[in-house]
Amino acid sequence: MKFRAVWIGKTKSTPLSEVSLDYISRIRHFLPLEITEVQEPRGDGARRIEAEGEKLLAALTSSDRVIVLDPKGKAWSSGEFAKFAGKHMSEDPRNLTFVIGGYAGMSENVKARADLLWSLSPLTYTHDLSRVILLEQLYRALSIIHNLPYSK
């Protein structure tokens, strides 16, 4: 079992990329983490969303347990998320795969593939910042599960 993150494009902000790499390194002390950056398609609007959706779906495996980040998804506290992640880690051998769509929104086909929709916050974040927040919450959950002081 490993964590996976699948998202559109590369992190453009150098400082946020550095923070992401730090959290990736921390997470990998606990378990494997795979990052898949899907190439951004050209175009705008519905055509772009559908093209992104096709690329995101192609990056998933049939055995992935897919969590799509979506503003209308389930809201968790860090403790609740840690409980969810810990239960998955102990009971489910599938990869836990988190998907972040592009700036234009998420394809309905990707949402339909999701096992769960998760909202990081009712606030809107840039996609670069959403990646950092996702990685930080994964690390925080692992810290809670392993009773490390970071989570306090």
N, C-alpha and C. Protein backbone atom coordinates (compact mmCIF):
# COMPACT_ATOMS: atom_id res chain seq x y z
N MET A 1 0.84 -1.18 0.00
CA MET A 1 0.00 0.00 0.00
C MET A 1 0.88 1.24 0.00
N LYS A 2 0.49 2.22 -0.80
CA LYS A 2 1.19 3.48 -0.81
C LYS A 2 0.20 4.60 -1.00
N PHE A 3 0.63 5.81 -0.69
CA PHE A 3 -0.13 6.99 -1.03
C PHE A 3 0.29 7.41 -2.44
N ARG A 4 -0.68 7.91 -3.20
CA ARG A 4 -0.40 8.47 -4.51
C ARG A 4 -1.08 9.83 -4.58
N ALA A 5 -0.47 10.76 -5.30
CA ALA A 5 -1.11 12.03 -5.61
C ALA A 5 -1.00 12.22 -7.11
N VAL A 6 -2.13 12.53 -7.72
CA VAL A 6 -2.18 12.76 -9.16
C VAL A 6 -2.75 14.15 -9.36
N TRP A 7 -2.01 14.98 -10.10
CA TRP A 7 -2.50 16.33 -10.34
C TRP A 7 -2.08 16.82 -11.71
N ILE A 8 -2.71 17.92 -12.12
CA ILE A 8 -2.48 18.51 -13.43
C ILE A 8 -1.28 19.46 -13.37
N GLY A 9 -0.31 19.24 -14.23
CA GLY A 9 0.81 20.16 -14.36
C GLY A 9 1.83 20.08 -13.24
N LYS A 10 2.88 20.87 -13.41
CA LYS A 10 3.95 20.96 -12.43
C LYS A 10 3.68 22.15 -11.51
N THR A 11 4.26 22.09 -10.31
CA THR A 11 4.16 23.21 -9.39
C THR A 11 5.02 24.35 -9.94
N LYS A 12 4.39 25.47 -10.23
CA LYS A 12 5.10 26.58 -10.87
C LYS A 12 5.87 27.46 -9.88
N SER A 13 5.39 27.56 -8.66
CA SER A 13 6.03 28.40 -7.66
C SER A 13 7.22 27.65 -7.04
N THR A 14 8.41 28.21 -7.19
CA THR A 14 9.61 27.56 -6.65
C THR A 14 9.53 27.38 -5.13
N PRO A 15 9.14 28.41 -4.36
CA PRO A 15 9.04 28.18 -2.91
C PRO A 15 8.04 27.08 -2.54
N LEU A 16 6.90 27.04 -3.21
CA LEU A 16 5.91 26.00 -2.90
C LEU A 16 6.40 24.63 -3.36
N SER A 17 7.12 24.59 -4.45
CA SER A 17 7.71 23.33 -4.90
C SER A 17 8.70 22.80 -3.86
N GLU A 18 9.49 23.69 -3.28
CA GLU A 18 10.46 23.28 -2.24
C GLU A 18 9.75 22.76 -1.00
N VAL A 19 8.67 23.42 -0.60
CA VAL A 19 7.89 22.95 0.55
C VAL A 19 7.28 21.58 0.23
N SER A 20 6.76 21.42 -0.97
CA SER A 20 6.19 20.13 -1.38
C SER A 20 7.24 19.03 -1.30
N LEU A 21 8.42 19.30 -1.82
CA LEU A 21 9.49 18.29 -1.78
C LEU A 21 9.87 17.92 -0.36
N ASP A 22 9.85 18.90 0.55
CA ASP A 22 10.13 18.62 1.95
C ASP A 22 9.08 17.66 2.53
N TYR A 23 7.80 17.95 2.29
CA TYR A 23 6.75 17.07 2.80
C TYR A 23 6.80 15.69 2.14
N ILE A 24 7.11 15.64 0.88
CA ILE A 24 7.24 14.35 0.19
C ILE A 24 8.31 13.51 0.87
N SER A 25 9.43 14.12 1.17
CA SER A 25 10.53 13.43 1.85
C SER A 25 10.09 12.94 3.23
N ARG A 26 9.38 13.77 3.97
CA ARG A 26 8.90 13.38 5.31
C ARG A 26 7.92 12.20 5.23
N ILE A 27 6.99 12.28 4.29
CA ILE A 27 5.99 11.22 4.14
C ILE A 27 6.67 9.90 3.81
N ARG A 28 7.68 9.95 2.96
CA ARG A 28 8.36 8.72 2.52
C ARG A 28 9.13 8.03 3.64
N HIS A 29 9.29 8.68 4.80
CA HIS A 29 9.86 7.99 5.97
C HIS A 29 8.89 6.95 6.52
N PHE A 30 7.60 7.14 6.23
CA PHE A 30 6.57 6.25 6.75
C PHE A 30 6.12 5.20 5.75
N LEU A 31 5.95 5.61 4.50
CA LEU A 31 5.47 4.70 3.48
C LEU A 31 5.75 5.29 2.10
N PRO A 32 5.65 4.48 1.06
CA PRO A 32 5.90 5.01 -0.29
C PRO A 32 4.86 6.07 -0.68
N LEU A 33 5.34 7.07 -1.37
CA LEU A 33 4.48 8.11 -1.92
C LEU A 33 4.88 8.31 -3.37
N GLU A 34 3.89 8.23 -4.24
CA GLU A 34 4.11 8.43 -5.68
C GLU A 34 3.38 9.69 -6.11
N ILE A 35 4.09 10.56 -6.81
CA ILE A 35 3.49 11.77 -7.35
C ILE A 35 3.44 11.63 -8.87
N THR A 36 2.25 11.84 -9.43
CA THR A 36 2.08 11.81 -10.88
C THR A 36 1.58 13.17 -11.33
N GLU A 37 2.41 13.85 -12.12
CA GLU A 37 2.04 15.14 -12.68
C GLU A 37 1.60 14.93 -14.12
N VAL A 38 0.31 15.10 -14.36
CA VAL A 38 -0.28 14.90 -15.68
C VAL A 38 -0.11 16.18 -16.49
N GLN A 39 0.31 16.05 -17.72
CA GLN A 39 0.55 17.22 -18.57
C GLN A 39 -0.73 18.02 -18.77
N GLU A 40 -0.60 19.35 -18.66
CA GLU A 40 -1.75 20.23 -18.87
C GLU A 40 -2.15 20.24 -20.34
N PRO A 41 -3.43 20.03 -20.62
CA PRO A 41 -3.87 20.13 -22.02
C PRO A 41 -4.06 21.59 -22.41
N ARG A 42 -4.13 21.83 -23.70
CA ARG A 42 -4.43 23.17 -24.20
C ARG A 42 -5.94 23.36 -24.24
N GLY A 43 -6.34 24.60 -24.36
CA GLY A 43 -7.76 24.90 -24.49
C GLY A 43 -8.34 25.47 -23.22
N ASP A 44 -9.62 25.79 -23.28
CA ASP A 44 -10.32 26.40 -22.15
C ASP A 44 -11.68 25.74 -21.96
N GLY A 45 -12.29 26.09 -20.86
CA GLY A 45 -13.66 25.69 -20.59
C GLY A 45 -13.89 24.20 -20.53
N ALA A 46 -15.07 23.80 -21.00
CA ALA A 46 -15.50 22.40 -20.91
C ALA A 46 -14.55 21.45 -21.64
N ARG A 47 -14.02 21.89 -22.77
CA ARG A 47 -13.10 21.04 -23.54
C ARG A 47 -11.84 20.75 -22.71
N ARG A 48 -11.33 21.76 -22.03
CA ARG A 48 -10.14 21.58 -21.20
C ARG A 48 -10.43 20.63 -20.03
N ILE A 49 -11.56 20.84 -19.36
CA ILE A 49 -11.92 20.00 -18.22
C ILE A 49 -12.02 18.54 -18.64
N GLU A 50 -12.64 18.28 -19.78
CA GLU A 50 -12.77 16.90 -20.26
C GLU A 50 -11.42 16.31 -20.64
N ALA A 51 -10.55 17.10 -21.27
CA ALA A 51 -9.21 16.61 -21.63
C ALA A 51 -8.40 16.30 -20.38
N GLU A 52 -8.49 17.17 -19.38
CA GLU A 52 -7.81 16.90 -18.11
C GLU A 52 -8.37 15.63 -17.47
N GLY A 53 -9.68 15.49 -17.51
CA GLY A 53 -10.32 14.31 -16.93
C GLY A 53 -9.82 13.03 -17.55
N GLU A 54 -9.70 13.01 -18.87
CA GLU A 54 -9.21 11.82 -19.56
C GLU A 54 -7.78 11.49 -19.12
N LYS A 55 -6.95 12.51 -18.98
CA LYS A 55 -5.56 12.29 -18.55
C LYS A 55 -5.49 11.81 -17.10
N LEU A 56 -6.32 12.39 -16.25
CA LEU A 56 -6.34 11.96 -14.85
C LEU A 56 -6.80 10.52 -14.73
N LEU A 57 -7.87 10.18 -15.45
CA LEU A 57 -8.38 8.80 -15.40
C LEU A 57 -7.34 7.82 -15.93
N ALA A 58 -6.60 8.19 -16.94
CA ALA A 58 -5.57 7.32 -17.50
C ALA A 58 -4.44 7.08 -16.50
N ALA A 59 -4.24 8.02 -15.58
CA ALA A 59 -3.17 7.88 -14.58
C ALA A 59 -3.58 7.01 -13.40
N LEU A 60 -4.86 6.68 -13.29
CA LEU A 60 -5.35 5.87 -12.18
C LEU A 60 -5.32 4.39 -12.56
N THR A 61 -5.19 3.55 -11.54
CA THR A 61 -5.31 2.11 -11.78
C THR A 61 -6.67 1.65 -11.26
N SER A 62 -7.11 0.52 -11.74
CA SER A 62 -8.43 0.03 -11.34
C SER A 62 -8.48 -0.31 -9.86
N SER A 63 -7.33 -0.56 -9.25
CA SER A 63 -7.33 -0.93 -7.84
C SER A 63 -7.14 0.26 -6.90
N ASP A 64 -6.91 1.46 -7.43
CA ASP A 64 -6.74 2.63 -6.57
C ASP A 64 -8.02 2.94 -5.80
N ARG A 65 -7.87 3.33 -4.54
CA ARG A 65 -8.96 3.94 -3.80
C ARG A 65 -8.79 5.44 -4.02
N VAL A 66 -9.70 6.05 -4.74
CA VAL A 66 -9.51 7.40 -5.25
C VAL A 66 -10.27 8.42 -4.39
N ILE A 67 -9.50 9.42 -3.94
CA ILE A 67 -10.06 10.55 -3.20
C ILE A 67 -9.84 11.78 -4.07
N VAL A 68 -10.93 12.37 -4.55
CA VAL A 68 -10.85 13.57 -5.39
C VAL A 68 -11.06 14.79 -4.51
N LEU A 69 -10.14 15.76 -4.64
CA LEU A 69 -10.30 17.00 -3.91
C LEU A 69 -11.31 17.86 -4.64
N ASP A 70 -12.35 18.25 -3.91
CA ASP A 70 -13.47 18.98 -4.50
C ASP A 70 -14.10 19.86 -3.43
N PRO A 71 -14.41 21.10 -3.74
CA PRO A 71 -14.99 22.00 -2.73
C PRO A 71 -16.30 21.49 -2.13
N LYS A 72 -17.02 20.63 -2.85
CA LYS A 72 -18.29 20.11 -2.34
C LYS A 72 -18.12 18.78 -1.61
N GLY A 73 -16.88 18.36 -1.41
CA GLY A 73 -16.61 17.08 -0.77
C GLY A 73 -16.75 17.13 0.74
N LYS A 74 -16.45 16.01 1.35
CA LYS A 74 -16.50 15.85 2.79
C LYS A 74 -15.42 16.70 3.44
N ALA A 75 -15.78 17.40 4.50
CA ALA A 75 -14.82 18.19 5.27
C ALA A 75 -14.41 17.39 6.50
N TRP A 76 -13.12 17.27 6.73
CA TRP A 76 -12.59 16.56 7.89
C TRP A 76 -11.73 17.48 8.72
N SER A 77 -11.68 17.22 10.01
CA SER A 77 -10.62 17.80 10.84
C SER A 77 -9.37 16.96 10.58
N SER A 78 -8.22 17.44 11.00
CA SER A 78 -6.99 16.67 10.82
C SER A 78 -7.08 15.33 11.55
N GLY A 79 -7.68 15.33 12.73
CA GLY A 79 -7.84 14.09 13.49
C GLY A 79 -8.75 13.10 12.78
N GLU A 80 -9.84 13.59 12.21
CA GLU A 80 -10.76 12.72 11.47
C GLU A 80 -10.08 12.14 10.23
N PHE A 81 -9.31 12.98 9.54
CA PHE A 81 -8.59 12.48 8.37
C PHE A 81 -7.56 11.44 8.76
N ALA A 82 -6.84 11.67 9.86
CA ALA A 82 -5.85 10.70 10.34
C ALA A 82 -6.53 9.37 10.67
N LYS A 83 -7.70 9.43 11.28
CA LYS A 83 -8.44 8.20 11.59
C LYS A 83 -8.81 7.46 10.30
N PHE A 84 -9.29 8.20 9.30
CA PHE A 84 -9.63 7.60 8.01
C PHE A 84 -8.39 6.96 7.37
N ALA A 85 -7.30 7.71 7.32
CA ALA A 85 -6.06 7.20 6.69
C ALA A 85 -5.52 5.99 7.45
N GLY A 86 -5.54 6.05 8.77
CA GLY A 86 -5.05 4.93 9.58
C GLY A 86 -5.89 3.68 9.37
N LYS A 87 -7.19 3.85 9.30
CA LYS A 87 -8.06 2.69 9.05
C LYS A 87 -7.78 2.11 7.67
N HIS A 88 -7.62 2.96 6.69
CA HIS A 88 -7.30 2.48 5.35
C HIS A 88 -5.98 1.71 5.36
N MET A 89 -4.97 2.28 6.00
CA MET A 89 -3.65 1.65 6.03
C MET A 89 -3.67 0.28 6.69
N SER A 90 -4.52 0.11 7.70
CA SER A 90 -4.54 -1.17 8.42
C SER A 90 -5.51 -2.19 7.83
N GLU A 91 -6.48 -1.73 7.02
CA GLU A 91 -7.52 -2.64 6.56
C GLU A 91 -7.61 -2.80 5.04
N ASP A 92 -6.95 -1.95 4.28
CA ASP A 92 -7.17 -1.94 2.83
C ASP A 92 -5.82 -1.92 2.11
N PRO A 93 -5.50 -2.93 1.33
CA PRO A 93 -4.20 -2.97 0.66
C PRO A 93 -4.10 -2.07 -0.57
N ARG A 94 -5.22 -1.49 -1.01
CA ARG A 94 -5.19 -0.65 -2.20
C ARG A 94 -4.40 0.63 -1.94
N ASN A 95 -3.84 1.19 -3.02
CA ASN A 95 -3.21 2.51 -2.92
C ASN A 95 -4.28 3.55 -2.63
N LEU A 96 -3.96 4.48 -1.76
CA LEU A 96 -4.84 5.60 -1.46
C LEU A 96 -4.38 6.75 -2.34
N THR A 97 -5.19 7.09 -3.33
CA THR A 97 -4.80 8.01 -4.39
C THR A 97 -5.63 9.28 -4.33
N PHE A 98 -4.94 10.43 -4.23
CA PHE A 98 -5.56 11.73 -4.13
C PHE A 98 -5.42 12.45 -5.47
N VAL A 99 -6.51 13.04 -5.95
CA VAL A 99 -6.52 13.67 -7.27
C VAL A 99 -6.89 15.14 -7.13
N ILE A 100 -6.04 16.00 -7.73
CA ILE A 100 -6.30 17.43 -7.79
C ILE A 100 -6.44 17.81 -9.26
N GLY A 101 -7.57 18.37 -9.63
CA GLY A 101 -7.81 18.76 -11.01
C GLY A 101 -7.15 20.08 -11.35
N GLY A 102 -7.44 20.58 -12.53
CA GLY A 102 -6.87 21.83 -13.00
C GLY A 102 -7.66 23.04 -12.53
N TYR A 103 -7.22 24.22 -12.94
CA TYR A 103 -7.82 25.46 -12.47
C TYR A 103 -9.27 25.63 -12.94
N ALA A 104 -9.64 24.97 -14.03
CA ALA A 104 -10.98 25.16 -14.60
C ALA A 104 -12.04 24.29 -13.92
N GLY A 105 -11.61 23.33 -13.11
CA GLY A 105 -12.56 22.45 -12.44
C GLY A 105 -12.26 21.00 -12.70
N MET A 106 -13.10 20.13 -12.17
CA MET A 106 -12.89 18.69 -12.25
C MET A 106 -13.96 18.05 -13.15
N SER A 107 -13.52 17.17 -14.01
CA SER A 107 -14.42 16.43 -14.88
C SER A 107 -15.39 15.59 -14.07
N GLU A 108 -16.64 15.55 -14.51
CA GLU A 108 -17.63 14.71 -13.84
C GLU A 108 -17.24 13.23 -13.91
N ASN A 109 -16.54 12.83 -14.98
CA ASN A 109 -16.08 11.44 -15.10
C ASN A 109 -15.08 11.08 -14.02
N VAL A 110 -14.22 12.03 -13.65
CA VAL A 110 -13.25 11.78 -12.59
C VAL A 110 -13.98 11.71 -11.25
N LYS A 111 -14.91 12.61 -11.04
CA LYS A 111 -15.70 12.57 -9.80
C LYS A 111 -16.46 11.26 -9.67
N ALA A 112 -16.98 10.76 -10.78
CA ALA A 112 -17.72 9.49 -10.77
C ALA A 112 -16.80 8.32 -10.42
N ARG A 113 -15.52 8.42 -10.78
CA ARG A 113 -14.54 7.36 -10.48
C ARG A 113 -14.12 7.39 -9.01
N ALA A 114 -14.34 8.53 -8.35
CA ALA A 114 -13.88 8.71 -6.97
C ALA A 114 -14.64 7.81 -6.00
N ASP A 115 -13.91 7.31 -5.03
CA ASP A 115 -14.53 6.62 -3.90
C ASP A 115 -15.04 7.63 -2.89
N LEU A 116 -14.44 8.82 -2.91
CA LEU A 116 -14.81 9.85 -1.95
C LEU A 116 -14.37 11.20 -2.50
N LEU A 117 -15.19 12.23 -2.26
CA LEU A 117 -14.80 13.61 -2.54
C LEU A 117 -14.41 14.25 -1.22
N TRP A 118 -13.28 14.96 -1.21
CA TRP A 118 -12.76 15.57 0.00
C TRP A 118 -12.54 17.06 -0.23
N SER A 119 -13.06 17.88 0.67
CA SER A 119 -12.85 19.31 0.61
C SER A 119 -11.78 19.70 1.63
N LEU A 120 -10.70 20.31 1.16
CA LEU A 120 -9.67 20.80 2.08
C LEU A 120 -10.19 21.97 2.90
N SER A 121 -11.10 22.76 2.30
CA SER A 121 -11.59 23.96 2.95
C SER A 121 -12.68 24.57 2.07
N PRO A 122 -13.56 25.37 2.65
CA PRO A 122 -14.50 26.11 1.80
C PRO A 122 -13.81 27.27 1.07
N LEU A 123 -12.58 27.59 1.46
CA LEU A 123 -11.82 28.64 0.78
C LEU A 123 -11.29 28.11 -0.54
N THR A 124 -10.96 29.02 -1.45
CA THR A 124 -10.35 28.64 -2.71
C THR A 124 -8.85 28.88 -2.62
N TYR A 125 -8.06 27.88 -3.04
CA TYR A 125 -6.60 27.98 -3.04
C TYR A 125 -6.09 27.82 -4.47
N THR A 126 -4.89 28.33 -4.71
CA THR A 126 -4.24 28.03 -5.99
C THR A 126 -3.93 26.54 -6.01
N HIS A 127 -3.72 26.00 -7.20
CA HIS A 127 -3.43 24.57 -7.28
C HIS A 127 -2.08 24.24 -6.67
N ASP A 128 -1.11 25.15 -6.81
CA ASP A 128 0.19 24.93 -6.17
C ASP A 128 0.03 24.85 -4.65
N LEU A 129 -0.75 25.75 -4.07
CA LEU A 129 -0.95 25.75 -2.63
C LEU A 129 -1.78 24.54 -2.19
N SER A 130 -2.75 24.15 -2.99
CA SER A 130 -3.55 22.95 -2.66
C SER A 130 -2.66 21.72 -2.54
N ARG A 131 -1.66 21.62 -3.39
CA ARG A 131 -0.73 20.49 -3.33
C ARG A 131 0.02 20.48 -2.01
N VAL A 132 0.50 21.66 -1.62
CA VAL A 132 1.22 21.75 -0.34
C VAL A 132 0.30 21.38 0.82
N ILE A 133 -0.93 21.89 0.80
CA ILE A 133 -1.88 21.59 1.88
C ILE A 133 -2.18 20.10 1.93
N LEU A 134 -2.39 19.49 0.78
CA LEU A 134 -2.62 18.04 0.74
C LEU A 134 -1.45 17.29 1.34
N LEU A 135 -0.23 17.61 0.91
CA LEU A 135 0.95 16.91 1.41
C LEU A 135 1.15 17.14 2.91
N GLU A 136 0.89 18.38 3.35
CA GLU A 136 1.03 18.67 4.78
C GLU A 136 0.02 17.85 5.59
N GLN A 137 -1.19 17.73 5.10
CA GLN A 137 -2.20 16.95 5.82
C GLN A 137 -1.89 15.46 5.82
N LEU A 138 -1.31 14.96 4.73
CA LEU A 138 -0.87 13.56 4.72
C LEU A 138 0.22 13.35 5.77
N TYR A 139 1.18 14.26 5.83
CA TYR A 139 2.24 14.14 6.83
C TYR A 139 1.67 14.30 8.24
N ARG A 140 0.77 15.23 8.44
CA ARG A 140 0.15 15.43 9.76
C ARG A 140 -0.61 14.16 10.18
N ALA A 141 -1.34 13.56 9.25
CA ALA A 141 -2.08 12.33 9.56
C ALA A 141 -1.12 11.23 10.00
N LEU A 142 -0.02 11.08 9.27
CA LEU A 142 0.96 10.06 9.64
C LEU A 142 1.60 10.37 10.99
N SER A 143 1.80 11.64 11.29
CA SER A 143 2.34 12.04 12.59
C SER A 143 1.35 11.72 13.71
N ILE A 144 0.07 11.96 13.46
CA ILE A 144 -0.96 11.61 14.45
C ILE A 144 -0.99 10.10 14.66
N ILE A 145 -1.01 9.36 13.56
CA ILE A 145 -1.06 7.89 13.64
C ILE A 145 0.11 7.34 14.43
N HIS A 146 1.30 7.93 14.25
CA HIS A 146 2.51 7.46 14.93
C HIS A 146 2.82 8.23 16.20
N ASN A 147 1.87 9.06 16.64
CA ASN A 147 1.99 9.81 17.89
C ASN A 147 3.27 10.64 17.97
N LEU A 148 3.58 11.36 16.90
CA LEU A 148 4.75 12.22 16.85
C LEU A 148 4.38 13.64 17.26
N PRO A 149 5.33 14.40 17.81
CA PRO A 149 5.01 15.74 18.31
C PRO A 149 4.60 16.74 17.23
N TYR A 150 4.92 16.50 15.96
CA TYR A 150 4.54 17.43 14.89
C TYR A 150 3.04 17.72 14.93
N SER A 151 2.25 16.72 15.23
CA SER A 151 0.79 16.85 15.15
C SER A 151 0.19 17.65 16.29
N LYS A 152 0.96 17.99 17.29
CA LYS A 152 0.43 18.69 18.46
C LYS A 152 0.29 20.17 18.21
